[in-house]
Amino acid sequence: MKELLVSLDLELNQPSRRIIQIGAVVGNIRTGEIVSRFDSKVSPDEELSPAIAKLTKIKQQEVDVAPKLREAYESLKRWLDERWLFGRRWLDAKTLFVAWRMAQGRELQGGLGRSMTKLGLAFEGRQHNAIDDAENTFRIYRALLFEFGKAPSAMMTKKVTHIRQRVRKV
């Protein structure tokens, strides 16, 4: 169970920034398998911005019949309680990715899709769909863990090589 991780994404209406979709996945960090998904449209109690409707492909009719935020939150909470069986720790994988790029002195551009490309991943699903974005965010986090896992061993190899070279000189 300790290898399970929850990835959450929200889609927001503009300019109010009210939530219109909640997407979450539980993924196995070791295998990469997505073991459970949660997807709920949310009624913002307002008209969708035409730009947001076009971007997210969410229709006004969908949010009109969707649960209010409190009800959607309670559903998410029940879903998490059934699956999230160990201590809750939250991490923003997108912020982690930006910090990783900064530490490497690399450019910081990009959204989710571009971030994935820089890690050698292809975006799966539809961008600006909370459930697809949550799954792809999980994939970024998993890829970053493997990148971080490489760093210590690569640094150790360099260090061992350097030590061997120094020993040979003596």
N, C-alpha and C. Protein backbone atom coordinates (compact mmCIF):
# COMPACT_ATOMS: atom_id res chain seq x y z
N MET A 1 0.80 -1.20 0.00
CA MET A 1 0.00 0.00 0.00
C MET A 1 0.85 1.27 0.00
N LYS A 2 2.05 1.19 0.52
CA LYS A 2 2.86 2.39 0.61
C LYS A 2 3.30 2.90 -0.75
N GLU A 3 3.19 2.08 -1.79
CA GLU A 3 3.59 2.55 -3.11
C GLU A 3 2.47 3.28 -3.85
N LEU A 4 1.30 3.45 -3.21
CA LEU A 4 0.19 4.16 -3.84
C LEU A 4 0.31 5.65 -3.61
N LEU A 5 -0.05 6.40 -4.65
CA LEU A 5 0.03 7.86 -4.59
C LEU A 5 -1.22 8.44 -5.24
N VAL A 6 -1.79 9.49 -4.66
CA VAL A 6 -2.95 10.17 -5.22
C VAL A 6 -2.48 11.40 -5.99
N SER A 7 -3.00 11.55 -7.19
CA SER A 7 -2.75 12.74 -8.00
C SER A 7 -4.10 13.40 -8.25
N LEU A 8 -4.18 14.71 -7.99
CA LEU A 8 -5.44 15.45 -8.05
C LEU A 8 -5.28 16.63 -9.00
N ASP A 9 -6.33 16.91 -9.78
CA ASP A 9 -6.32 18.07 -10.67
C ASP A 9 -7.70 18.71 -10.65
N LEU A 10 -7.72 20.02 -10.77
CA LEU A 10 -8.97 20.79 -10.80
C LEU A 10 -9.03 21.60 -12.08
N GLU A 11 -10.21 21.72 -12.63
CA GLU A 11 -10.46 22.66 -13.72
C GLU A 11 -11.34 23.77 -13.14
N LEU A 12 -11.02 25.01 -13.52
CA LEU A 12 -11.69 26.18 -12.94
C LEU A 12 -12.36 27.03 -14.01
N ASN A 13 -13.49 27.61 -13.64
CA ASN A 13 -14.13 28.59 -14.50
C ASN A 13 -13.37 29.91 -14.36
N GLN A 14 -13.51 30.79 -15.32
CA GLN A 14 -12.85 32.09 -15.26
C GLN A 14 -13.88 33.18 -15.50
N PRO A 15 -13.77 34.32 -14.95
CA PRO A 15 -12.68 34.78 -14.08
C PRO A 15 -12.90 34.44 -12.61
N SER A 16 -13.99 33.75 -12.27
CA SER A 16 -14.33 33.51 -10.86
C SER A 16 -13.40 32.51 -10.18
N ARG A 17 -12.76 31.64 -10.96
CA ARG A 17 -11.89 30.58 -10.45
C ARG A 17 -12.68 29.55 -9.61
N ARG A 18 -13.96 29.41 -9.91
CA ARG A 18 -14.77 28.38 -9.25
C ARG A 18 -14.49 27.03 -9.90
N ILE A 19 -14.45 26.00 -9.09
CA ILE A 19 -14.15 24.65 -9.57
C ILE A 19 -15.31 24.14 -10.42
N ILE A 20 -14.96 23.57 -11.59
CA ILE A 20 -15.97 22.98 -12.47
C ILE A 20 -15.72 21.49 -12.71
N GLN A 21 -14.54 20.99 -12.36
CA GLN A 21 -14.25 19.56 -12.48
C GLN A 21 -13.15 19.18 -11.50
N ILE A 22 -13.34 18.02 -10.88
CA ILE A 22 -12.33 17.42 -10.00
C ILE A 22 -11.94 16.09 -10.62
N GLY A 23 -10.65 15.89 -10.81
CA GLY A 23 -10.15 14.62 -11.30
C GLY A 23 -9.05 14.13 -10.38
N ALA A 24 -9.05 12.84 -10.08
CA ALA A 24 -8.00 12.28 -9.22
C ALA A 24 -7.76 10.84 -9.63
N VAL A 25 -6.53 10.42 -9.46
CA VAL A 25 -6.18 9.02 -9.70
C VAL A 25 -5.35 8.52 -8.53
N VAL A 26 -5.44 7.22 -8.28
CA VAL A 26 -4.51 6.55 -7.37
C VAL A 26 -3.64 5.71 -8.27
N GLY A 27 -2.33 5.94 -8.18
CA GLY A 27 -1.40 5.19 -9.00
C GLY A 27 -0.37 4.47 -8.15
N ASN A 28 0.10 3.35 -8.67
CA ASN A 28 1.16 2.61 -8.02
C ASN A 28 2.48 3.17 -8.51
N ILE A 29 3.21 3.82 -7.62
CA ILE A 29 4.44 4.52 -7.99
C ILE A 29 5.51 3.55 -8.49
N ARG A 30 5.46 2.30 -8.03
CA ARG A 30 6.46 1.31 -8.42
C ARG A 30 6.18 0.77 -9.83
N THR A 31 4.90 0.43 -10.10
CA THR A 31 4.56 -0.20 -11.39
C THR A 31 4.06 0.79 -12.43
N GLY A 32 3.59 1.95 -11.99
CA GLY A 32 3.01 2.93 -12.91
C GLY A 32 1.55 2.68 -13.21
N GLU A 33 0.97 1.62 -12.66
CA GLU A 33 -0.43 1.29 -12.91
C GLU A 33 -1.36 2.27 -12.19
N ILE A 34 -2.37 2.74 -12.90
CA ILE A 34 -3.43 3.54 -12.29
C ILE A 34 -4.45 2.54 -11.74
N VAL A 35 -4.64 2.55 -10.42
CA VAL A 35 -5.49 1.54 -9.79
C VAL A 35 -6.92 2.04 -9.53
N SER A 36 -7.12 3.37 -9.54
CA SER A 36 -8.46 3.89 -9.32
C SER A 36 -8.54 5.32 -9.85
N ARG A 37 -9.74 5.70 -10.29
CA ARG A 37 -9.96 7.04 -10.85
C ARG A 37 -11.20 7.67 -10.19
N PHE A 38 -11.15 9.00 -10.05
CA PHE A 38 -12.31 9.76 -9.56
C PHE A 38 -12.49 10.93 -10.51
N ASP A 39 -13.72 11.12 -10.99
CA ASP A 39 -13.99 12.22 -11.93
C ASP A 39 -15.36 12.78 -11.61
N SER A 40 -15.44 14.07 -11.33
CA SER A 40 -16.72 14.69 -11.05
C SER A 40 -16.75 16.10 -11.63
N LYS A 41 -17.79 16.37 -12.39
CA LYS A 41 -18.05 17.76 -12.76
C LYS A 41 -18.62 18.42 -11.52
N VAL A 42 -18.50 19.75 -11.44
CA VAL A 42 -18.98 20.50 -10.28
C VAL A 42 -19.76 21.71 -10.78
N SER A 43 -20.91 21.94 -10.18
CA SER A 43 -21.70 23.12 -10.53
C SER A 43 -21.07 24.37 -9.92
N PRO A 44 -20.68 25.33 -10.78
CA PRO A 44 -20.13 26.57 -10.23
C PRO A 44 -21.22 27.59 -9.89
N ASP A 45 -22.47 27.22 -10.13
CA ASP A 45 -23.61 28.13 -9.92
C ASP A 45 -23.45 29.42 -10.73
N GLU A 46 -22.92 29.26 -11.93
CA GLU A 46 -22.77 30.40 -12.84
C GLU A 46 -22.57 29.86 -14.25
N GLU A 47 -22.65 30.75 -15.21
CA GLU A 47 -22.41 30.37 -16.60
C GLU A 47 -20.91 30.10 -16.81
N LEU A 48 -20.64 29.08 -17.61
CA LEU A 48 -19.24 28.82 -17.96
C LEU A 48 -18.74 29.90 -18.91
N SER A 49 -17.52 30.30 -18.71
CA SER A 49 -16.89 31.20 -19.64
C SER A 49 -16.79 30.48 -20.99
N PRO A 50 -17.11 31.15 -22.10
CA PRO A 50 -17.00 30.50 -23.41
C PRO A 50 -15.58 29.97 -23.67
N ALA A 51 -14.57 30.71 -23.23
CA ALA A 51 -13.18 30.28 -23.43
C ALA A 51 -12.89 29.00 -22.64
N ILE A 52 -13.42 28.91 -21.42
CA ILE A 52 -13.20 27.72 -20.58
C ILE A 52 -13.98 26.53 -21.15
N ALA A 53 -15.20 26.77 -21.61
CA ALA A 53 -15.99 25.69 -22.22
C ALA A 53 -15.25 25.13 -23.43
N LYS A 54 -14.67 26.00 -24.23
CA LYS A 54 -13.92 25.56 -25.42
C LYS A 54 -12.65 24.82 -25.01
N LEU A 55 -11.94 25.35 -24.02
CA LEU A 55 -10.67 24.75 -23.57
C LEU A 55 -10.88 23.38 -22.93
N THR A 56 -11.87 23.27 -22.06
CA THR A 56 -12.07 22.03 -21.29
C THR A 56 -13.03 21.05 -21.98
N LYS A 57 -13.78 21.52 -22.95
CA LYS A 57 -14.82 20.72 -23.61
C LYS A 57 -15.95 20.35 -22.64
N ILE A 58 -16.05 21.07 -21.53
CA ILE A 58 -17.14 20.86 -20.58
C ILE A 58 -18.32 21.72 -21.03
N LYS A 59 -19.48 21.12 -21.09
CA LYS A 59 -20.68 21.82 -21.55
C LYS A 59 -21.44 22.40 -20.36
N GLN A 60 -22.14 23.49 -20.62
CA GLN A 60 -22.95 24.13 -19.58
C GLN A 60 -23.95 23.15 -18.99
N GLN A 61 -24.55 22.32 -19.85
CA GLN A 61 -25.54 21.34 -19.37
C GLN A 61 -24.91 20.37 -18.37
N GLU A 62 -23.63 20.03 -18.55
CA GLU A 62 -22.96 19.09 -17.64
C GLU A 62 -22.83 19.69 -16.24
N VAL A 63 -22.42 20.96 -16.16
CA VAL A 63 -22.26 21.57 -14.84
C VAL A 63 -23.60 21.96 -14.23
N ASP A 64 -24.59 22.20 -15.08
CA ASP A 64 -25.93 22.53 -14.56
C ASP A 64 -26.52 21.37 -13.76
N VAL A 65 -26.23 20.15 -14.16
CA VAL A 65 -26.78 18.98 -13.46
C VAL A 65 -25.76 18.35 -12.50
N ALA A 66 -24.57 18.93 -12.42
CA ALA A 66 -23.51 18.40 -11.57
C ALA A 66 -23.76 18.75 -10.10
N PRO A 67 -23.13 17.99 -9.20
CA PRO A 67 -23.28 18.31 -7.78
C PRO A 67 -22.61 19.65 -7.45
N LYS A 68 -23.08 20.26 -6.39
CA LYS A 68 -22.43 21.48 -5.87
C LYS A 68 -21.08 21.09 -5.30
N LEU A 69 -20.23 22.06 -5.05
CA LEU A 69 -18.87 21.80 -4.59
C LEU A 69 -18.85 20.97 -3.31
N ARG A 70 -19.69 21.28 -2.34
CA ARG A 70 -19.72 20.54 -1.07
C ARG A 70 -19.99 19.06 -1.31
N GLU A 71 -20.97 18.76 -2.14
CA GLU A 71 -21.32 17.37 -2.44
C GLU A 71 -20.19 16.66 -3.20
N ALA A 72 -19.60 17.35 -4.17
CA ALA A 72 -18.48 16.77 -4.93
C ALA A 72 -17.29 16.51 -4.01
N TYR A 73 -17.05 17.45 -3.10
CA TYR A 73 -15.96 17.28 -2.12
C TYR A 73 -16.22 16.06 -1.23
N GLU A 74 -17.45 15.90 -0.76
CA GLU A 74 -17.79 14.74 0.09
C GLU A 74 -17.60 13.44 -0.68
N SER A 75 -17.95 13.42 -1.95
CA SER A 75 -17.73 12.23 -2.78
C SER A 75 -16.25 11.94 -2.92
N LEU A 76 -15.46 12.98 -3.17
CA LEU A 76 -14.00 12.83 -3.27
C LEU A 76 -13.44 12.29 -1.95
N LYS A 77 -13.91 12.84 -0.85
CA LYS A 77 -13.43 12.42 0.47
C LYS A 77 -13.74 10.94 0.72
N ARG A 78 -14.96 10.52 0.39
CA ARG A 78 -15.32 9.10 0.54
C ARG A 78 -14.43 8.22 -0.34
N TRP A 79 -14.21 8.66 -1.57
CA TRP A 79 -13.36 7.91 -2.50
C TRP A 79 -11.93 7.80 -1.95
N LEU A 80 -11.42 8.90 -1.43
CA LEU A 80 -10.07 8.88 -0.86
C LEU A 80 -9.99 7.98 0.37
N ASP A 81 -10.99 8.07 1.24
CA ASP A 81 -10.98 7.25 2.46
C ASP A 81 -10.98 5.76 2.14
N GLU A 82 -11.58 5.38 1.02
CA GLU A 82 -11.61 3.97 0.62
C GLU A 82 -10.26 3.52 0.05
N ARG A 83 -9.46 4.44 -0.45
CA ARG A 83 -8.25 4.07 -1.18
C ARG A 83 -6.95 4.55 -0.55
N TRP A 84 -7.00 5.67 0.10
CA TRP A 84 -5.80 6.33 0.63
C TRP A 84 -5.60 5.81 2.04
N LEU A 85 -4.88 4.70 2.15
CA LEU A 85 -4.85 3.94 3.39
C LEU A 85 -3.70 4.29 4.31
N PHE A 86 -2.88 5.24 3.95
CA PHE A 86 -1.77 5.59 4.82
C PHE A 86 -1.72 7.10 4.95
N GLY A 87 -0.75 7.63 5.69
CA GLY A 87 -0.68 9.06 6.00
C GLY A 87 -0.80 9.94 4.78
N ARG A 88 -1.51 11.03 4.95
CA ARG A 88 -1.72 11.96 3.84
C ARG A 88 -0.57 12.97 3.79
N ARG A 89 0.09 12.97 2.67
CA ARG A 89 1.12 13.98 2.40
C ARG A 89 0.83 14.52 1.01
N TRP A 90 0.83 15.83 0.88
CA TRP A 90 0.48 16.43 -0.40
C TRP A 90 1.72 17.05 -1.02
N LEU A 91 1.83 16.91 -2.31
CA LEU A 91 2.97 17.41 -3.05
C LEU A 91 2.47 17.89 -4.40
N ASP A 92 2.91 19.03 -4.82
CA ASP A 92 2.54 19.55 -6.13
C ASP A 92 3.63 19.13 -7.12
N ALA A 93 3.33 18.13 -7.94
CA ALA A 93 4.32 17.59 -8.88
C ALA A 93 4.74 18.63 -9.91
N LYS A 94 3.84 19.55 -10.27
CA LYS A 94 4.21 20.57 -11.24
C LYS A 94 5.25 21.52 -10.65
N THR A 95 5.09 21.88 -9.38
CA THR A 95 6.07 22.73 -8.70
C THR A 95 7.39 21.98 -8.55
N LEU A 96 7.31 20.70 -8.24
CA LEU A 96 8.51 19.88 -8.13
C LEU A 96 9.26 19.85 -9.46
N PHE A 97 8.53 19.72 -10.56
CA PHE A 97 9.14 19.71 -11.88
C PHE A 97 9.87 21.03 -12.16
N VAL A 98 9.21 22.14 -11.85
CA VAL A 98 9.83 23.46 -12.07
C VAL A 98 11.10 23.60 -11.22
N ALA A 99 11.04 23.18 -9.97
CA ALA A 99 12.22 23.25 -9.10
C ALA A 99 13.35 22.39 -9.65
N TRP A 100 13.03 21.22 -10.18
CA TRP A 100 14.02 20.33 -10.77
C TRP A 100 14.67 20.99 -11.97
N ARG A 101 13.85 21.64 -12.82
CA ARG A 101 14.39 22.34 -14.00
C ARG A 101 15.29 23.50 -13.57
N MET A 102 14.87 24.24 -12.54
CA MET A 102 15.67 25.37 -12.05
C MET A 102 17.02 24.87 -11.53
N ALA A 103 16.99 23.76 -10.79
CA ALA A 103 18.23 23.22 -10.22
C ALA A 103 19.20 22.80 -11.31
N GLN A 104 18.69 22.45 -12.48
CA GLN A 104 19.53 22.05 -13.60
C GLN A 104 19.90 23.22 -14.49
N GLY A 105 19.40 24.43 -14.15
CA GLY A 105 19.69 25.61 -14.96
C GLY A 105 19.01 25.56 -16.32
N ARG A 106 17.88 24.89 -16.42
CA ARG A 106 17.17 24.75 -17.69
C ARG A 106 15.99 25.70 -17.75
N GLU A 107 15.44 25.89 -18.96
CA GLU A 107 14.30 26.79 -19.14
C GLU A 107 13.08 26.30 -18.37
N LEU A 108 12.22 27.24 -17.99
CA LEU A 108 11.09 26.92 -17.13
C LEU A 108 9.75 26.98 -17.84
N GLN A 109 9.73 27.06 -19.16
CA GLN A 109 8.48 27.18 -19.88
C GLN A 109 7.61 25.95 -19.72
N GLY A 110 6.37 26.15 -20.07
CA GLY A 110 5.54 25.01 -20.32
C GLY A 110 4.43 24.73 -19.34
N GLY A 111 3.45 24.06 -19.88
CA GLY A 111 2.37 23.52 -19.07
C GLY A 111 2.62 22.04 -18.89
N LEU A 112 1.56 21.35 -18.60
CA LEU A 112 1.66 19.92 -18.32
C LEU A 112 2.21 19.16 -19.53
N GLY A 113 1.66 19.40 -20.70
CA GLY A 113 2.10 18.69 -21.91
C GLY A 113 3.57 18.91 -22.22
N ARG A 114 4.01 20.16 -22.15
CA ARG A 114 5.41 20.47 -22.44
C ARG A 114 6.34 19.87 -21.38
N SER A 115 5.89 19.88 -20.12
CA SER A 115 6.68 19.27 -19.05
C SER A 115 6.89 17.79 -19.32
N MET A 116 5.84 17.14 -19.80
CA MET A 116 5.95 15.71 -20.10
C MET A 116 6.94 15.47 -21.23
N THR A 117 6.88 16.30 -22.26
CA THR A 117 7.80 16.17 -23.39
C THR A 117 9.24 16.26 -22.92
N LYS A 118 9.51 17.19 -22.02
CA LYS A 118 10.88 17.37 -21.52
C LYS A 118 11.36 16.15 -20.72
N LEU A 119 10.42 15.35 -20.24
CA LEU A 119 10.77 14.11 -19.52
C LEU A 119 10.69 12.88 -20.43
N GLY A 120 10.45 13.12 -21.73
CA GLY A 120 10.37 12.01 -22.67
C GLY A 120 9.06 11.25 -22.62
N LEU A 121 8.01 11.90 -22.12
CA LEU A 121 6.69 11.28 -22.01
C LEU A 121 5.73 11.91 -23.02
N ALA A 122 4.74 11.16 -23.44
CA ALA A 122 3.69 11.68 -24.31
C ALA A 122 2.43 11.87 -23.48
N PHE A 123 1.75 12.99 -23.67
CA PHE A 123 0.51 13.26 -22.97
C PHE A 123 -0.53 12.24 -23.42
N GLU A 124 -1.24 11.67 -22.47
CA GLU A 124 -2.30 10.72 -22.78
C GLU A 124 -3.64 11.34 -22.41
N GLY A 125 -4.62 11.20 -23.30
CA GLY A 125 -5.94 11.75 -23.04
C GLY A 125 -6.09 13.14 -23.62
N ARG A 126 -6.95 13.94 -22.99
CA ARG A 126 -7.24 15.29 -23.46
C ARG A 126 -6.76 16.31 -22.44
N GLN A 127 -5.97 17.28 -22.90
CA GLN A 127 -5.49 18.32 -21.99
C GLN A 127 -6.68 19.14 -21.48
N HIS A 128 -6.54 19.65 -20.28
CA HIS A 128 -7.56 20.46 -19.61
C HIS A 128 -8.82 19.63 -19.30
N ASN A 129 -8.61 18.34 -19.11
CA ASN A 129 -9.63 17.45 -18.58
C ASN A 129 -9.03 16.97 -17.26
N ALA A 130 -9.70 17.24 -16.16
CA ALA A 130 -9.10 17.03 -14.83
C ALA A 130 -8.64 15.59 -14.60
N ILE A 131 -9.41 14.60 -15.05
CA ILE A 131 -9.01 13.21 -14.82
C ILE A 131 -7.77 12.86 -15.64
N ASP A 132 -7.71 13.31 -16.89
CA ASP A 132 -6.53 13.05 -17.73
C ASP A 132 -5.32 13.81 -17.21
N ASP A 133 -5.53 15.06 -16.78
CA ASP A 133 -4.43 15.84 -16.22
C ASP A 133 -3.90 15.22 -14.93
N ALA A 134 -4.80 14.68 -14.10
CA ALA A 134 -4.37 14.03 -12.86
C ALA A 134 -3.50 12.80 -13.18
N GLU A 135 -3.93 12.02 -14.16
CA GLU A 135 -3.15 10.83 -14.53
C GLU A 135 -1.79 11.22 -15.10
N ASN A 136 -1.76 12.24 -15.93
CA ASN A 136 -0.49 12.66 -16.51
C ASN A 136 0.42 13.31 -15.47
N THR A 137 -0.16 13.98 -14.49
CA THR A 137 0.63 14.54 -13.39
C THR A 137 1.26 13.41 -12.58
N PHE A 138 0.51 12.33 -12.35
CA PHE A 138 1.07 11.15 -11.69
C PHE A 138 2.27 10.61 -12.48
N ARG A 139 2.12 10.57 -13.79
CA ARG A 139 3.21 10.06 -14.64
C ARG A 139 4.44 10.96 -14.56
N ILE A 140 4.23 12.28 -14.48
CA ILE A 140 5.36 13.20 -14.31
C ILE A 140 6.06 12.93 -12.98
N TYR A 141 5.29 12.80 -11.92
CA TYR A 141 5.87 12.56 -10.61
C TYR A 141 6.68 11.27 -10.61
N ARG A 142 6.13 10.23 -11.20
CA ARG A 142 6.83 8.95 -11.27
C ARG A 142 8.13 9.08 -12.07
N ALA A 143 8.08 9.79 -13.20
CA ALA A 143 9.27 10.00 -14.02
C ALA A 143 10.33 10.79 -13.25
N LEU A 144 9.87 11.79 -12.49
CA LEU A 144 10.82 12.57 -11.68
C LEU A 144 11.48 11.71 -10.62
N LEU A 145 10.73 10.80 -10.01
CA LEU A 145 11.32 9.91 -9.03
C LEU A 145 12.44 9.08 -9.65
N PHE A 146 12.22 8.61 -10.88
CA PHE A 146 13.26 7.85 -11.55
C PHE A 146 14.45 8.74 -11.91
N GLU A 147 14.18 9.99 -12.30
CA GLU A 147 15.27 10.93 -12.57
C GLU A 147 16.08 11.18 -11.31
N PHE A 148 15.38 11.40 -10.20
CA PHE A 148 16.07 11.64 -8.93
C PHE A 148 16.84 10.40 -8.51
N GLY A 149 16.28 9.23 -8.80
CA GLY A 149 16.94 7.98 -8.46
C GLY A 149 18.23 7.80 -9.23
N LYS A 150 18.29 8.35 -10.46
CA LYS A 150 19.51 8.26 -11.26
C LYS A 150 20.61 9.14 -10.70
N ALA A 151 20.23 10.29 -10.20
CA ALA A 151 21.23 11.28 -9.78
C ALA A 151 22.19 10.73 -8.73
N PRO A 152 21.72 10.13 -7.64
CA PRO A 152 22.67 9.64 -6.64
C PRO A 152 23.60 8.58 -7.20
N SER A 153 23.07 7.63 -7.99
CA SER A 153 23.95 6.59 -8.51
C SER A 153 24.94 7.18 -9.51
N ALA A 154 24.50 8.14 -10.34
CA ALA A 154 25.43 8.78 -11.28
C ALA A 154 26.49 9.55 -10.52
N MET A 155 26.07 10.25 -9.45
CA MET A 155 27.04 11.01 -8.65
C MET A 155 28.01 10.05 -7.96
N MET A 156 27.51 8.90 -7.48
CA MET A 156 28.38 7.92 -6.84
C MET A 156 29.37 7.35 -7.84
N THR A 157 28.91 7.07 -9.06
CA THR A 157 29.81 6.54 -10.09
C THR A 157 30.93 7.53 -10.37
N LYS A 158 30.58 8.83 -10.49
CA LYS A 158 31.59 9.86 -10.71
C LYS A 158 32.58 9.90 -9.55
N LYS A 159 32.04 9.86 -8.35
CA LYS A 159 32.87 9.94 -7.17
C LYS A 159 33.81 8.72 -7.07
N VAL A 160 33.28 7.52 -7.32
CA VAL A 160 34.09 6.30 -7.28
C VAL A 160 35.16 6.37 -8.36
N THR A 161 34.81 6.82 -9.58
CA THR A 161 35.78 6.94 -10.66
C THR A 161 36.88 7.92 -10.26
N HIS A 162 36.49 9.05 -9.69
CA HIS A 162 37.46 10.06 -9.26
C HIS A 162 38.40 9.48 -8.19
N ILE A 163 37.84 8.74 -7.24
CA ILE A 163 38.65 8.13 -6.18
C ILE A 163 39.60 7.11 -6.79
N ARG A 164 39.12 6.29 -7.73
CA ARG A 164 39.98 5.28 -8.37
C ARG A 164 41.13 5.95 -9.09
N GLN A 165 40.84 7.05 -9.80
CA GLN A 165 41.89 7.77 -10.52
C GLN A 165 42.94 8.29 -9.56
N ARG A 166 42.53 8.83 -8.42
CA ARG A 166 43.45 9.36 -7.43
C ARG A 166 44.30 8.24 -6.82
N VAL A 167 43.66 7.07 -6.59
CA VAL A 167 44.38 5.93 -6.01
C VAL A 167 45.45 5.44 -7.00
N ARG A 168 45.13 5.39 -8.28
CA ARG A 168 46.08 4.93 -9.29
C ARG A 168 47.30 5.85 -9.36
N LYS A 169 47.08 7.12 -9.15
CA LYS A 169 48.19 8.08 -9.21
C LYS A 169 49.15 7.89 -8.03
N VAL A 170 48.63 7.42 -6.93
CA VAL A 170 49.44 7.24 -5.72
C VAL A 170 50.15 5.95 -5.80
